[in-house]
Every structure is written in C-alpha cells, then in structure tokens.
Amino acid sequence: MKRAKNIAAISVILVLSLILVSAVSTFGNLFQPEINNQVCENECMVPDNLGDNETEIIFPSFGNETSLQDILLGLGYVVNTSDNQSQAQVWNTTYDAVLEVKFLGKVAAANQAFGYYLDHDTSNFTVIFEAGDHPNYTAQIANVNDAFQINIPAGSSFGFAMDSFYGGSVIYYTENEFNPENKDHALVYDFCNEFVVAFENSGGEPDYQDIIVSVKLLECNQQCIDKDNDSVCDNIDECLDSQGEVDENGCDVDQFCSFFGCGYDCLYADWKDDEEGRAYDCTVVIKHQNGIPVGPECVAVRQFCPA
C-alpha cells in the first residue's frame, strides 16, 4: 500500500513537471523576438531589398561549428534562418534615427571590423567596432553583447559592412553590387524595428555566421522640419521649394504642371478638385522610367481635356 502511494506521488510530480516545462516554454517565447507573417511597420529605418527577392542557401557549418540557426535560437530569436530572410540590402531613414548596434557573436578565424556607410557610397565606411584585432583600424575590440550607438540623419540610405582580415583585407557589404561577383554576403532578419544581420566572408559554401549583429531602433526624432514653410514636413515633401498654396504632397500648381498636356492649360485646371463644375479637368502623374521618377505630367480625366 505504501509503495503504491509513493508511485502515485511520483506520477503526480512528473505530470506537474511536464506542465511547468510546457508553460515556461510557451510563455517564455512571448518575450522573445519572433518573426511571424504580419507586416512590420518599421519606423524611421525602412528596409529596402533593392529588387532582391532571392532566398539564399545556407550551407551546413564546418566541423563542430555552431550553425546560424542554433546561434540565433540560443540567443532567444524565434526564427527560421532559411524561410524568414528579409533580403534587405539598405535602410532608408524618414527621420533622424538613433540606432543600437549590438555584437552578438562570430564563428570565424578572421579578425573583422564592422561598420556602416551612407547613401550607397562605400568610401564613407565608418567602423563601429572590431571583432578581433584588425590591423587596419583602431576601433574598440568588442566582446559579445557589447552595444554601440550610431546616429543616422533623416533622408539617408545606409548599409552595413564587414572588413574581414585573414592574411589580407576584403570588405563585404549588405549591398550586393559592392561584393565580389555581386554576391549576397549578408542575411537580414526583420523583427520590427530590430534587424539581425549575419555576414559571410566566403564565396564557396556560406554558412553566414562569420559575424552577427543586432541593429535596433532606439529613438526616432519626428520633429517636423519645413524649410519652404508650406506646412508639409520635408521628409514627405515632394517639392522642397514650393511657393504659395500646395497640395498634400507639398507641391504648388506650377511644379505639378510643368508639362501642359491638356486642352485646358493645367495652370487653370481644377487640379485640387475644389472648383464647382470642373472636378479634376486634368490630373498629374509622376511618370517613372526603370523605377526612376522622370517628372510630373498632366493627363486628361474628362472628355473636353483630351490626352
């Protein structure tokens, strides 16, 4: 009888232990960065894949090296490193942004310097920290979890880069066109205003764990700067030198109607739809060529305003 009671007690303890483990696992993940199917509304730093939609193949890590997948899971990032790639190459700032760049780790014999560059210009590469003693720089040599702050001005495009030294120096960028053979040497994972960037310094069988960082938005300075005093903030103002009355994009009628393609002169058309009986005689479109704006053009929207 006593033995039966002991067995019952042990069974209860085991059941309670399993429930506790399950609860910790379930609720613990609530506090971990996680990628899901919802669309992230990133503030200040907006990722841009520059037309790259190709998922990169991650090869098995060499020997007993820890894979990128296991590294990120061990750090609490709930992510599938193959399926959740964002393909971001650069980020665009809508306002002044303060970012935290944290060194998460590396699995590489090379010594590296990690930094950023602005506006697709690699000549302004600025080193944030070193991972190992890189002979070409004198930045701080970081330990895992060391964090650094950088300031990116509004209206900038910025990317990240790793200068890898192993007998010689080679710089790899998040922007593919600057890499050897234009190959992708960085994977990016989007956790909504936090991004994990994982670099690879090999062109053979990349496993993307040569250096891993987290980039997190700390501050977004949303102060409205309005240089032409048209009540439209410069970060969303399509016409930064407007005069007089403007539309919601900050453009006056002369800027919108630089090309007269309608029967009625666009200067007198109801371009703002606020004249009785002449609703949108002409409208204006911004034409694009190969993705680049080539200027506004008036087009007809009513019968008496032929195209």
Foldseek 3Di string as FASTA:
>chain_A
DVVVVVVVVVVVVVVVVVVVVVVCVVVVLVPFQEDDDDDFPAAFWAFDLVPDPDFDDAFDDPDPDDFPVVLCVVVRYHDDQRPQFPNGFKIAGLAKFKKKKFWADFDDPWKKFKFKDKDPDCVRTDTAEICPDDPVDDHHHDDHGDMDMDIDGHGIMMWMWMFTDDPHTDIDISQQVVHVVSDHFWTWGDSHQKIKIFGFDDPPNHRRRRTIMMMHTDDGPPDFDQPCPQPAGPSQAPDNPADDHDDNNNHDQCQQQVDQQWPDGSVPAPAVQPDPPRGCQWYKDQDDDPNHTPGIHIAGDDDRTHD
